[in-house]
Amino acid sequence: MIFSAIPLRNLLQRPLRTTFTVGGIAVAVCSFTALLAVCNGLEHAWTNSLSERGTHMLATSRNSVDLLTGSLDESLAAEIRAVPGVEEVSGEMTDFIKLEDEQAVIATGIPESCHIWKSLTLSSGRLPAKGQPEAVLGANVAEALGKKAGDSIEIHNEPFTICGISRFAGAMNNSLLMMDLTTMQQMLGRPGRVTVFHIRITHPEDREKSTATHKALVAKFPGLQVNETNKITEDNKMFQLLHSAAWVNSVISIIMGLLVILNTVTMSVIERRADIGILTAVGWSTRRIVSMVIIEGLAVSTAGSVLGAAASYQLLALLQRFPQARGFLEVQVSSQQVIQVCAAALILGIGGSVYPAWRAARMDPVQSLRS
């Protein structure tokens, strides 16, 4: 019999246990890969959303946990605009709201003079008038609600007219509801307040000048968190929490995978004490016995990795079918990341087999045969 077939036969002798072990590893790999993809997707969606709207830097309250909950004085825009290198500053109010059919969207209030309106592409309709109950719906939201330009919609128990439908390349911008800033401030009862400031600088392509402008803004406004668009997720507390959750999940997955493999292979060794004693008696070396046990661990971890990776792709594909997720999520998972997760699972297979292999190698053949 081929040597590598022996450990596989050992696993097949206990099909139910082997199936549960492979399933446990698959769940760990799937959850880790999926969470990693979601975190990367959210980061990409936010960064792409700001870049697509022509924002070079974003200023938020240093005390806010995420990009949607801050509250800043609108008059700060004039002070920010006075910093050398700043070309334009626009305050924006953002909030999560529920529309018809419990559809959750990010609503944004944007001043009439903001660059975002100038760069906006409308597939139909027009821009909202200042102070009027009018809104522009992103293409994804409009499709989910079955709305078109000219239809009415209820926002915060107030009737609004959908004056236009916007179309962006990114998923998040296509799920925005945009209205005039004054209108949104009145609707939420927050006059003179904004959530963030969109900043455009004079020389975004000049790294040295843009860095100098950023440093000047940070120095002048210690109460603000100022980030360049491509680095918006690095210092944000919300994304830091997401990364922490991903790390906690990965550690738990690693521990669970290690324990599952350790339990399965150890039980397999204990149950086959007599078989291992016979193999030792007929001349099998310690190295050969250790290799047999480690191959068992590698076999279950390999099967679990393949199933887990495949399941993660299916799970993410299913997740993106839901309108609520499709609106805010651009799943980002690379083959390199999947390979790294699977490689970690294979290392777990070896690590979880070390103790059982050591135990098998130390077995006394006479005692094993007696048992």
Protein backbone atom coordinates (compact mmCIF):
# COMPACT_ATOMS: atom_id res chain seq x y z
CA MET A 1 0.00 0.00 0.00
CA ILE A 2 1.23 3.50 -0.81
CA PHE A 3 2.40 5.22 2.37
CA SER A 4 0.28 8.35 1.87
CA ALA A 5 -2.85 6.20 1.52
CA ILE A 6 -2.50 4.85 5.07
CA PRO A 7 -3.34 8.11 6.91
CA LEU A 8 -6.21 8.74 4.48
CA ARG A 9 -7.59 5.29 5.20
CA ASN A 10 -7.29 6.01 8.91
CA LEU A 11 -9.43 9.13 8.50
CA LEU A 12 -12.03 7.32 6.40
CA GLN A 13 -12.45 4.71 9.11
CA ARG A 14 -14.13 7.41 11.22
CA PRO A 15 -16.13 9.28 8.52
CA LEU A 16 -18.44 11.19 10.88
CA ARG A 17 -15.62 12.53 13.04
CA THR A 18 -13.54 13.41 9.98
CA THR A 19 -16.52 15.20 8.41
CA PHE A 20 -17.11 17.30 11.53
CA THR A 21 -13.41 18.14 11.72
CA VAL A 22 -13.25 19.22 8.09
CA GLY A 23 -16.46 21.20 8.60
CA GLY A 24 -15.05 22.98 11.65
CA ILE A 25 -11.94 24.05 9.76
CA ALA A 26 -14.06 25.09 6.77
CA VAL A 27 -16.21 27.32 8.99
CA ALA A 28 -13.08 28.96 10.47
CA VAL A 29 -11.57 29.59 7.02
CA CYS A 30 -14.90 30.80 5.60
CA SER A 31 -15.61 33.24 8.44
CA PHE A 32 -12.08 34.63 8.42
CA THR A 33 -12.00 35.08 4.64
CA ALA A 34 -15.49 36.59 4.49
CA LEU A 35 -14.84 39.06 7.32
CA LEU A 36 -11.56 40.09 5.71
CA ALA A 37 -13.37 40.67 2.41
CA VAL A 38 -16.09 42.73 4.10
CA CYS A 39 -13.55 44.92 5.94
CA ASN A 40 -11.55 45.49 2.76
CA GLY A 41 -14.75 46.14 0.84
CA LEU A 42 -15.99 48.76 3.28
CA GLU A 43 -12.64 50.54 3.23
CA HIS A 44 -12.56 50.52 -0.56
CA ALA A 45 -16.17 51.71 -0.78
CA TRP A 46 -15.55 54.73 1.49
CA THR A 47 -12.28 55.69 -0.20
CA ASN A 48 -13.75 55.26 -3.67
CA SER A 49 -16.85 57.23 -2.68
CA LEU A 50 -14.83 60.29 -1.68
CA SER A 51 -12.42 60.09 -4.62
CA GLU A 52 -15.29 59.78 -7.07
CA ARG A 53 -16.89 62.92 -5.66
CA GLY A 54 -13.67 64.90 -6.10
CA THR A 55 -12.74 65.24 -2.41
CA HIS A 56 -9.02 65.51 -1.61
CA MET A 57 -9.24 65.64 2.19
CA LEU A 58 -11.96 65.05 4.75
CA ALA A 59 -12.24 66.78 8.13
CA THR A 60 -14.35 65.16 10.85
CA SER A 61 -14.79 65.66 14.58
CA ARG A 62 -11.95 64.02 16.48
CA ASN A 63 -14.47 62.79 19.05
CA SER A 64 -16.75 61.02 16.57
CA VAL A 65 -16.62 57.24 16.31
CA ASP A 66 -17.51 57.04 12.63
CA LEU A 67 -17.96 59.27 9.60
CA LEU A 68 -21.69 59.73 10.13
CA THR A 69 -22.08 60.85 13.75
CA GLY A 70 -19.95 63.99 14.08
CA SER A 71 -21.33 67.46 14.70
CA LEU A 72 -19.34 70.53 13.66
CA ASP A 73 -20.06 74.23 13.40
CA GLU A 74 -20.70 75.13 9.77
CA SER A 75 -18.82 78.42 10.21
CA LEU A 76 -15.53 76.50 10.51
CA ALA A 77 -15.52 76.25 6.72
CA ALA A 78 -14.33 79.86 6.39
CA GLU A 79 -11.41 79.25 8.77
CA ILE A 80 -10.39 76.06 6.96
CA ARG A 81 -10.57 77.86 3.62
CA ALA A 82 -8.08 80.45 4.90
CA VAL A 83 -5.32 77.83 5.28
CA PRO A 84 -2.72 78.14 2.48
CA GLY A 85 -3.16 75.44 -0.14
CA VAL A 86 -6.90 75.00 0.42
CA GLU A 87 -8.99 75.71 -2.68
CA GLU A 88 -12.53 74.88 -1.57
CA VAL A 89 -14.32 73.74 1.59
CA SER A 90 -17.86 72.42 1.78
CA GLY A 91 -19.68 71.28 4.88
CA GLU A 92 -21.83 68.18 4.53
CA MET A 93 -24.43 66.70 6.84
CA THR A 94 -24.80 62.92 6.76
CA ASP A 95 -27.17 60.58 8.53
CA PHE A 96 -28.61 57.08 8.24
CA ILE A 97 -32.32 57.22 7.47
CA LYS A 98 -34.99 54.69 6.58
CA LEU A 99 -37.15 55.14 3.52
CA GLU A 100 -40.13 53.17 2.28
CA ASP A 101 -40.02 49.39 2.80
CA GLU A 102 -37.45 49.95 5.59
CA GLN A 103 -34.74 50.63 2.99
CA ALA A 104 -31.76 52.14 4.87
CA VAL A 105 -29.68 54.74 3.05
CA ILE A 106 -27.07 57.36 3.81
CA ALA A 107 -28.65 60.78 3.38
CA THR A 108 -26.34 63.70 2.66
CA GLY A 109 -27.03 67.40 2.77
CA ILE A 110 -24.73 69.30 0.41
CA PRO A 111 -24.50 73.10 0.01
CA GLU A 112 -25.52 74.54 -3.34
CA SER A 113 -22.00 75.75 -4.20
CA CYS A 114 -20.24 72.45 -3.39
CA HIS A 115 -18.03 70.81 -6.01
CA ILE A 116 -19.94 67.54 -5.56
CA TRP A 117 -22.99 68.95 -7.34
CA LYS A 118 -20.80 70.14 -10.21
CA SER A 119 -19.28 66.71 -10.78
CA LEU A 120 -22.55 64.81 -10.32
CA THR A 121 -23.76 62.72 -13.27
CA LEU A 122 -27.53 62.51 -13.56
CA SER A 123 -29.12 59.73 -15.59
CA SER A 124 -32.39 61.67 -15.42
CA GLY A 125 -33.89 64.76 -13.81
CA ARG A 126 -32.16 67.79 -12.31
CA LEU A 127 -30.42 69.01 -9.16
CA PRO A 128 -32.47 69.98 -6.08
CA ALA A 129 -33.37 73.61 -5.52
CA LYS A 130 -32.04 75.35 -2.44
CA GLY A 131 -34.29 75.00 0.60
CA GLN A 132 -36.85 72.89 -1.26
CA PRO A 133 -38.06 69.38 -0.25
CA GLU A 134 -36.32 67.73 -3.18
CA ALA A 135 -33.75 64.95 -3.33
CA VAL A 136 -31.53 63.10 -5.77
CA LEU A 137 -31.56 59.31 -5.41
CA GLY A 138 -28.62 57.08 -6.24
CA ALA A 139 -29.27 54.54 -8.99
CA ASN A 140 -29.19 51.55 -6.60
CA VAL A 141 -31.69 53.09 -4.19
CA ALA A 142 -33.98 54.18 -7.01
CA GLU A 143 -33.93 50.66 -8.45
CA ALA A 144 -34.59 49.04 -5.07
CA LEU A 145 -37.55 51.35 -4.40
CA GLY A 146 -38.84 51.37 -7.97
CA LYS A 147 -38.62 55.17 -8.12
CA LYS A 148 -37.86 57.56 -10.96
CA ALA A 149 -37.40 61.30 -11.36
CA GLY A 150 -40.63 63.13 -10.61
CA ASP A 151 -41.93 60.57 -8.10
CA SER A 152 -42.57 61.45 -4.48
CA ILE A 153 -41.00 59.83 -1.42
CA GLU A 154 -41.47 60.20 2.33
CA ILE A 155 -38.38 61.15 4.34
CA HIS A 156 -38.69 61.66 8.10
CA ASN A 157 -42.48 61.78 7.69
CA GLU A 158 -42.15 64.63 5.21
CA PRO A 159 -43.06 64.42 1.49
CA PHE A 160 -40.12 64.94 -0.86
CA THR A 161 -39.93 65.07 -4.64
CA ILE A 162 -37.32 62.94 -6.37
CA CYS A 163 -35.90 65.56 -8.71
CA GLY A 164 -33.12 63.40 -10.19
CA ILE A 165 -31.40 60.03 -10.34
CA SER A 166 -27.60 59.98 -10.01
CA ARG A 167 -25.25 57.36 -11.38
CA PHE A 168 -21.72 56.70 -10.11
CA ALA A 169 -19.23 53.92 -10.69
CA GLY A 170 -19.02 52.97 -6.99
CA ALA A 171 -21.70 51.09 -5.05
CA MET A 172 -21.79 53.45 -2.06
CA ASN A 173 -22.39 56.63 -4.06
CA ASN A 174 -25.12 54.86 -6.01
CA SER A 175 -26.86 54.28 -2.69
CA LEU A 176 -26.83 57.87 -1.47
CA LEU A 177 -29.79 60.18 -1.05
CA MET A 178 -28.64 63.75 -1.66
CA MET A 179 -30.43 66.98 -0.90
CA ASP A 180 -29.62 70.63 -0.26
CA LEU A 181 -27.78 71.20 3.03
CA THR A 182 -30.27 73.79 4.31
CA THR A 183 -33.16 71.42 3.64
CA MET A 184 -31.52 68.60 5.58
CA GLN A 185 -30.57 70.87 8.49
CA GLN A 186 -34.19 71.97 8.79
CA MET A 187 -35.49 68.41 8.48
CA LEU A 188 -33.22 67.13 11.29
CA GLY A 189 -33.53 70.27 13.42
CA ARG A 190 -29.78 70.98 13.32
CA PRO A 191 -29.35 74.46 11.82
CA GLY A 192 -25.77 75.60 11.34
CA ARG A 193 -24.34 72.12 11.96
CA VAL A 194 -22.54 69.75 9.61
CA THR A 195 -21.03 66.29 9.99
CA VAL A 196 -17.89 66.59 7.86
CA PHE A 197 -16.00 69.06 5.71
CA HIS A 198 -15.00 68.13 2.17
CA ILE A 199 -11.72 69.85 1.32
CA ARG A 200 -10.23 70.41 -2.12
CA ILE A 201 -6.62 71.59 -2.32
CA THR A 202 -4.85 73.60 -5.00
CA HIS A 203 -2.13 71.05 -5.85
CA PRO A 204 -3.42 67.51 -5.16
CA GLU A 205 -0.89 66.00 -7.59
CA ASP A 206 2.08 67.60 -5.79
CA ARG A 207 2.86 65.30 -2.87
CA GLU A 208 5.09 67.80 -1.07
CA LYS A 209 2.54 70.63 -1.23
CA SER A 210 -0.42 68.44 -0.31
CA THR A 211 1.49 67.10 2.70
CA ALA A 212 2.31 70.65 3.79
CA THR A 213 -1.36 71.65 3.51
CA HIS A 214 -2.40 68.60 5.50
CA LYS A 215 0.11 69.38 8.26
CA ALA A 216 -1.08 73.00 8.39
CA LEU A 217 -4.70 71.88 8.79
CA VAL A 218 -3.82 69.40 11.53
CA ALA A 219 -1.80 72.02 13.41
CA LYS A 220 -4.46 74.75 13.17
CA PHE A 221 -7.46 72.56 14.03
CA PRO A 222 -6.55 70.13 16.85
CA GLY A 223 -10.23 69.32 17.37
CA LEU A 224 -10.57 67.98 13.84
CA GLN A 225 -9.46 64.69 12.35
CA VAL A 226 -8.12 65.62 8.91
CA ASN A 227 -7.32 62.79 6.52
CA GLU A 228 -6.34 62.57 2.91
CA THR A 229 -8.92 60.66 0.89
CA ASN A 230 -6.69 57.66 0.23
CA LYS A 231 -5.92 57.38 3.96
CA ILE A 232 -9.39 58.07 5.32
CA THR A 233 -9.77 54.60 6.83
CA GLU A 234 -6.40 54.46 8.59
CA ASP A 235 -7.18 56.71 11.57
CA ASN A 236 -10.96 56.38 11.63
CA LYS A 237 -12.26 54.78 14.82
CA MET A 238 -14.99 52.86 13.03
CA PHE A 239 -12.51 51.10 10.76
CA GLN A 240 -10.12 50.55 13.66
CA LEU A 241 -12.96 48.72 15.44
CA LEU A 242 -13.62 46.67 12.31
CA HIS A 243 -9.96 45.68 12.10
CA SER A 244 -9.93 44.80 15.79
CA ALA A 245 -13.00 42.62 15.28
CA ALA A 246 -11.31 40.94 12.32
CA TRP A 247 -8.22 40.20 14.42
CA VAL A 248 -10.30 38.82 17.29
CA ASN A 249 -12.22 36.65 14.86
CA SER A 250 -9.01 35.39 13.27
CA VAL A 251 -7.47 34.52 16.65
CA ILE A 252 -10.61 32.67 17.71
CA SER A 253 -10.68 30.86 14.36
CA ILE A 254 -7.04 29.84 14.76
CA ILE A 255 -7.59 28.54 18.30
CA MET A 256 -10.75 26.65 17.32
CA GLY A 257 -9.08 25.14 14.26
CA LEU A 258 -6.08 24.09 16.30
CA LEU A 259 -8.25 22.44 18.96
CA VAL A 260 -10.39 20.66 16.38
CA ILE A 261 -7.37 19.16 14.62
CA LEU A 262 -5.65 18.35 17.93
CA ASN A 263 -8.74 16.55 19.22
CA THR A 264 -9.35 14.56 16.04
CA VAL A 265 -5.78 13.41 15.46
CA THR A 266 -5.20 12.65 19.16
CA MET A 267 -8.32 10.48 19.31
CA SER A 268 -7.21 8.75 16.13
CA VAL A 269 -3.81 7.95 17.67
CA ILE A 270 -5.34 6.68 20.93
CA GLU A 271 -7.78 4.42 19.10
CA ARG A 272 -5.01 2.95 16.96
CA ARG A 273 -2.49 2.19 19.69
CA ALA A 274 -2.41 -1.47 18.73
CA ASP A 275 -1.95 -0.65 15.03
CA ILE A 276 0.90 1.73 15.82
CA GLY A 277 2.47 -0.93 18.07
CA ILE A 278 2.36 -3.45 15.20
CA LEU A 279 3.90 -0.94 12.79
CA THR A 280 6.70 -0.27 15.27
CA ALA A 281 7.23 -3.99 15.81
CA VAL A 282 7.58 -4.68 12.08
CA GLY A 283 10.24 -2.02 11.71
CA TRP A 284 8.55 1.30 11.11
CA SER A 285 10.80 4.14 12.20
CA THR A 286 9.75 6.93 14.53
CA ARG A 287 10.04 9.36 11.65
CA ARG A 288 7.67 7.29 9.52
CA ILE A 289 5.05 7.10 12.28
CA VAL A 290 5.31 10.84 12.96
CA SER A 291 4.92 11.53 9.23
CA MET A 292 1.79 9.38 9.09
CA VAL A 293 0.14 11.32 11.91
CA ILE A 294 1.10 14.74 10.51
CA ILE A 295 -0.24 13.77 7.08
CA GLU A 296 -3.59 13.07 8.73
CA GLY A 297 -3.63 16.59 10.17
CA LEU A 298 -2.61 18.07 6.83
CA ALA A 299 -5.30 16.09 5.01
CA VAL A 300 -8.18 17.39 7.14
CA SER A 301 -6.83 20.96 7.13
CA THR A 302 -6.40 20.90 3.34
CA ALA A 303 -9.94 19.63 2.81
CA GLY A 304 -11.28 22.21 5.27
CA SER A 305 -9.35 25.03 3.60
CA VAL A 306 -10.65 24.21 0.13
CA LEU A 307 -14.24 23.90 1.34
CA GLY A 308 -13.94 27.04 3.48
CA ALA A 309 -12.53 29.14 0.62
CA ALA A 310 -15.26 27.94 -1.74
CA ALA A 311 -17.93 28.60 0.89
CA SER A 312 -16.63 32.13 1.51
CA TYR A 313 -17.02 33.04 -2.18
CA GLN A 314 -20.56 31.66 -2.17
CA LEU A 315 -21.39 33.50 1.05
CA LEU A 316 -20.10 36.82 -0.28
CA ALA A 317 -21.96 36.35 -3.56
CA LEU A 318 -25.15 35.67 -1.60
CA LEU A 319 -24.54 38.70 0.62
CA GLN A 320 -24.25 41.02 -2.37
CA ARG A 321 -27.66 39.96 -3.64
CA PHE A 322 -29.34 41.76 -0.75
CA PRO A 323 -30.11 45.41 -1.62
CA GLN A 324 -29.10 46.57 1.88
CA ALA A 325 -25.63 45.05 1.49
CA ARG A 326 -25.20 45.84 -2.19
CA GLY A 327 -25.71 49.49 -1.42
CA PHE A 328 -22.82 49.85 0.99
CA LEU A 329 -20.50 46.97 0.19
CA GLU A 330 -17.93 46.37 -2.50
CA VAL A 331 -16.48 42.99 -1.61
CA GLN A 332 -12.70 42.99 -1.94
CA VAL A 333 -11.03 39.59 -1.67
CA SER A 334 -7.92 38.71 -3.62
CA SER A 335 -6.62 35.28 -4.49
CA GLN A 336 -3.47 36.17 -2.54
CA GLN A 337 -5.50 36.72 0.64
CA VAL A 338 -7.34 33.43 0.17
CA ILE A 339 -4.03 31.63 -0.34
CA GLN A 340 -2.64 33.22 2.83
CA VAL A 341 -5.67 32.11 4.87
CA CYS A 342 -5.47 28.59 3.46
CA ALA A 343 -1.72 28.49 4.13
CA ALA A 344 -2.42 29.46 7.74
CA ALA A 345 -4.92 26.60 7.95
CA LEU A 346 -2.31 24.15 6.62
CA ILE A 347 0.17 25.36 9.23
CA LEU A 348 -2.56 24.72 11.80
CA GLY A 349 -2.86 21.21 10.42
CA ILE A 350 0.81 20.62 11.14
CA GLY A 351 0.68 22.40 14.51
CA GLY A 352 -2.37 20.46 15.64
CA SER A 353 -0.67 17.18 14.73
CA VAL A 354 2.58 17.76 16.60
CA TYR A 355 1.37 16.54 20.00
CA PRO A 356 -0.44 13.44 18.66
CA ALA A 357 2.61 12.61 16.52
CA TRP A 358 4.92 13.00 19.52
CA ARG A 359 2.61 10.77 21.56
CA ALA A 360 2.50 8.12 18.83
CA ALA A 361 6.30 8.15 18.52
CA ARG A 362 6.72 7.57 22.28
CA MET A 363 4.39 4.59 22.43
CA ASP A 364 5.96 1.37 23.68
CA PRO A 365 5.07 -1.35 21.14
CA VAL A 366 4.65 -4.03 23.82
CA GLN A 367 2.29 -1.89 25.90
CA SER A 368 0.42 -0.85 22.75
CA LEU A 369 -0.15 -4.48 21.72
CA ARG A 370 -1.30 -5.41 25.22
CA SER A 371 -3.89 -2.64 25.18
